[in-house]
Amino acid sequence: MAERKPAYYWKSWENFKKEMGKVIQKLGHFPSYQELQNSKPSTIAYAATSYHNGMNAIRTKMRLGKKK
């Protein structure tokens, strides 16, 4: 079983960015929301919409440009 993250872990931009970086590295590209839902930990998808304003905002904040 995966280790549970502490309360409010996903609200922190730095924590989210670190975990998102791992997903990007594993996939080799910025993930779609569906890919994020299927990734481990799957709670990252919830955090993307609940705490970080969705995928487009995250892409912009991570300075990865617009999706082509």
N, C-alpha and C. Protein backbone atom coordinates (compact mmCIF):
# COMPACT_ATOMS: atom_id res chain seq x y z
N MET A 1 0.84 -1.18 0.00
CA MET A 1 0.00 0.00 0.00
C MET A 1 0.88 1.24 0.00
N ALA A 2 0.49 2.24 -0.76
CA ALA A 2 1.25 3.48 -0.87
C ALA A 2 1.19 4.26 0.44
N GLU A 3 2.26 4.99 0.71
CA GLU A 3 2.31 5.81 1.91
C GLU A 3 1.34 6.98 1.78
N ARG A 4 0.55 7.21 2.79
CA ARG A 4 -0.43 8.30 2.77
C ARG A 4 0.28 9.63 3.03
N LYS A 5 -0.09 10.63 2.25
CA LYS A 5 0.49 11.97 2.40
C LYS A 5 -0.17 12.66 3.59
N PRO A 6 0.57 13.55 4.26
CA PRO A 6 -0.02 14.27 5.40
C PRO A 6 -1.15 15.21 4.95
N ALA A 7 -1.96 15.60 5.90
CA ALA A 7 -3.07 16.51 5.61
C ALA A 7 -2.54 17.78 4.94
N TYR A 8 -3.24 18.24 3.95
CA TYR A 8 -2.93 19.46 3.21
C TYR A 8 -1.65 19.38 2.37
N TYR A 9 -1.10 18.21 2.21
CA TYR A 9 0.11 18.01 1.40
C TYR A 9 -0.09 18.57 0.00
N TRP A 10 -1.24 18.25 -0.61
CA TRP A 10 -1.48 18.61 -2.00
C TRP A 10 -1.80 20.09 -2.19
N LYS A 11 -2.14 20.81 -1.13
CA LYS A 11 -2.41 22.24 -1.24
C LYS A 11 -1.13 23.03 -1.49
N SER A 12 -0.02 22.52 -1.05
CA SER A 12 1.27 23.19 -1.23
C SER A 12 1.70 23.10 -2.69
N TRP A 13 1.95 24.26 -3.32
CA TRP A 13 2.39 24.26 -4.71
C TRP A 13 3.71 23.50 -4.86
N GLU A 14 4.61 23.68 -3.92
CA GLU A 14 5.92 23.01 -4.02
C GLU A 14 5.77 21.49 -3.98
N ASN A 15 4.93 20.98 -3.10
CA ASN A 15 4.69 19.53 -3.05
C ASN A 15 4.04 19.05 -4.34
N PHE A 16 3.03 19.79 -4.79
CA PHE A 16 2.33 19.41 -6.01
C PHE A 16 3.28 19.41 -7.20
N LYS A 17 4.07 20.46 -7.31
CA LYS A 17 5.01 20.60 -8.43
C LYS A 17 6.01 19.44 -8.44
N LYS A 18 6.49 19.06 -7.27
CA LYS A 18 7.44 17.94 -7.16
C LYS A 18 6.81 16.64 -7.66
N GLU A 19 5.60 16.38 -7.21
CA GLU A 19 4.91 15.15 -7.61
C GLU A 19 4.52 15.18 -9.09
N MET A 20 4.11 16.35 -9.57
CA MET A 20 3.77 16.49 -10.99
C MET A 20 5.01 16.28 -11.84
N GLY A 21 6.14 16.77 -11.38
CA GLY A 21 7.40 16.56 -12.09
C GLY A 21 7.72 15.07 -12.26
N LYS A 22 7.41 14.29 -11.23
CA LYS A 22 7.64 12.84 -11.31
C LYS A 22 6.74 12.21 -12.37
N VAL A 23 5.49 12.66 -12.43
CA VAL A 23 4.55 12.13 -13.44
C VAL A 23 5.02 12.51 -14.84
N ILE A 24 5.44 13.76 -15.01
CA ILE A 24 5.91 14.23 -16.32
C ILE A 24 7.13 13.43 -16.75
N GLN A 25 8.04 13.21 -15.81
CA GLN A 25 9.26 12.43 -16.12
C GLN A 25 8.90 11.01 -16.54
N LYS A 26 7.98 10.40 -15.82
CA LYS A 26 7.58 9.02 -16.12
C LYS A 26 6.91 8.91 -17.49
N LEU A 27 6.03 9.86 -17.81
CA LEU A 27 5.30 9.82 -19.08
C LEU A 27 6.10 10.36 -20.25
N GLY A 28 7.01 11.28 -19.96
CA GLY A 28 7.79 11.91 -21.02
C GLY A 28 7.10 13.12 -21.63
N HIS A 29 5.97 13.53 -21.06
CA HIS A 29 5.24 14.71 -21.53
C HIS A 29 4.30 15.18 -20.43
N PHE A 30 3.79 16.41 -20.62
CA PHE A 30 2.81 16.93 -19.68
C PHE A 30 1.53 16.12 -19.83
N PRO A 31 1.00 15.59 -18.73
CA PRO A 31 -0.14 14.68 -18.83
C PRO A 31 -1.47 15.38 -19.10
N SER A 32 -2.37 14.65 -19.72
CA SER A 32 -3.75 15.10 -19.80
C SER A 32 -4.39 14.81 -18.44
N TYR A 33 -5.57 15.36 -18.21
CA TYR A 33 -6.26 15.09 -16.95
C TYR A 33 -6.53 13.59 -16.80
N GLN A 34 -6.91 12.94 -17.88
CA GLN A 34 -7.19 11.49 -17.85
C GLN A 34 -5.93 10.72 -17.46
N GLU A 35 -4.79 11.08 -18.02
CA GLU A 35 -3.53 10.41 -17.65
C GLU A 35 -3.21 10.64 -16.18
N LEU A 36 -3.51 11.83 -15.71
CA LEU A 36 -3.26 12.16 -14.31
C LEU A 36 -4.14 11.31 -13.39
N GLN A 37 -5.39 11.10 -13.79
CA GLN A 37 -6.29 10.26 -13.00
C GLN A 37 -5.79 8.82 -12.92
N ASN A 38 -5.12 8.36 -13.96
CA ASN A 38 -4.63 6.98 -14.01
C ASN A 38 -3.24 6.82 -13.42
N SER A 39 -2.61 7.92 -13.00
CA SER A 39 -1.25 7.86 -12.47
C SER A 39 -1.27 7.54 -10.97
N LYS A 40 -0.12 7.26 -10.45
CA LYS A 40 0.04 7.06 -9.02
C LYS A 40 0.83 8.22 -8.47
N PRO A 41 0.42 8.91 -7.45
CA PRO A 41 -0.85 8.74 -6.75
C PRO A 41 -1.99 9.39 -7.52
N SER A 42 -3.11 8.76 -7.53
CA SER A 42 -4.26 9.28 -8.29
C SER A 42 -4.84 10.54 -7.65
N THR A 43 -4.53 10.80 -6.40
CA THR A 43 -5.03 12.01 -5.74
C THR A 43 -4.45 13.28 -6.36
N ILE A 44 -3.41 13.15 -7.16
CA ILE A 44 -2.82 14.31 -7.82
C ILE A 44 -3.83 14.96 -8.78
N ALA A 45 -4.69 14.15 -9.39
CA ALA A 45 -5.72 14.69 -10.29
C ALA A 45 -6.72 15.52 -9.51
N TYR A 46 -7.13 15.04 -8.36
CA TYR A 46 -8.05 15.79 -7.49
C TYR A 46 -7.39 17.11 -7.08
N ALA A 47 -6.14 17.05 -6.70
CA ALA A 47 -5.42 18.26 -6.28
C ALA A 47 -5.30 19.25 -7.41
N ALA A 48 -5.12 18.77 -8.63
CA ALA A 48 -4.97 19.66 -9.79
C ALA A 48 -6.19 20.55 -9.95
N THR A 49 -7.37 19.97 -9.80
CA THR A 49 -8.59 20.76 -9.98
C THR A 49 -9.02 21.46 -8.71
N SER A 50 -8.84 20.85 -7.57
CA SER A 50 -9.33 21.41 -6.31
C SER A 50 -8.44 22.51 -5.75
N TYR A 51 -7.14 22.38 -5.92
CA TYR A 51 -6.23 23.32 -5.28
C TYR A 51 -5.41 24.18 -6.25
N HIS A 52 -5.29 23.74 -7.49
CA HIS A 52 -4.35 24.42 -8.40
C HIS A 52 -4.97 24.87 -9.72
N ASN A 53 -6.28 25.03 -9.75
CA ASN A 53 -7.01 25.67 -10.84
C ASN A 53 -6.99 24.95 -12.18
N GLY A 54 -6.74 23.67 -12.19
CA GLY A 54 -6.84 22.88 -13.41
C GLY A 54 -5.56 22.77 -14.21
N MET A 55 -5.63 21.96 -15.24
CA MET A 55 -4.45 21.60 -16.02
C MET A 55 -3.84 22.78 -16.77
N ASN A 56 -4.65 23.64 -17.36
CA ASN A 56 -4.09 24.78 -18.09
C ASN A 56 -3.34 25.73 -17.16
N ALA A 57 -3.90 25.98 -15.99
CA ALA A 57 -3.23 26.85 -15.02
C ALA A 57 -1.93 26.23 -14.53
N ILE A 58 -1.93 24.94 -14.34
CA ILE A 58 -0.72 24.25 -13.88
C ILE A 58 0.36 24.32 -14.96
N ARG A 59 -0.02 24.05 -16.20
CA ARG A 59 0.93 24.12 -17.31
C ARG A 59 1.57 25.51 -17.38
N THR A 60 0.74 26.54 -17.25
CA THR A 60 1.23 27.92 -17.29
C THR A 60 2.15 28.20 -16.11
N LYS A 61 1.73 27.79 -14.93
CA LYS A 61 2.52 28.05 -13.72
C LYS A 61 3.86 27.31 -13.76
N MET A 62 3.87 26.15 -14.38
CA MET A 62 5.11 25.38 -14.52
C MET A 62 5.93 25.86 -15.72
N ARG A 63 5.41 26.86 -16.43
CA ARG A 63 6.07 27.48 -17.57
C ARG A 63 6.38 26.49 -18.67
N LEU A 64 5.38 25.68 -18.98
CA LEU A 64 5.54 24.67 -20.02
C LEU A 64 4.85 25.08 -21.32
N GLY A 65 4.27 26.27 -21.36
CA GLY A 65 3.63 26.74 -22.58
C GLY A 65 2.27 26.12 -22.79
N LYS A 66 1.65 26.48 -23.88
CA LYS A 66 0.30 25.98 -24.20
C LYS A 66 0.38 24.63 -24.87
N LYS A 67 -0.69 23.83 -24.69
CA LYS A 67 -0.78 22.53 -25.33
C LYS A 67 -0.93 22.73 -26.83
N LYS A 68 -0.20 21.94 -27.60
CA LYS A 68 -0.24 22.05 -29.07
C LYS A 68 -1.29 21.17 -29.64
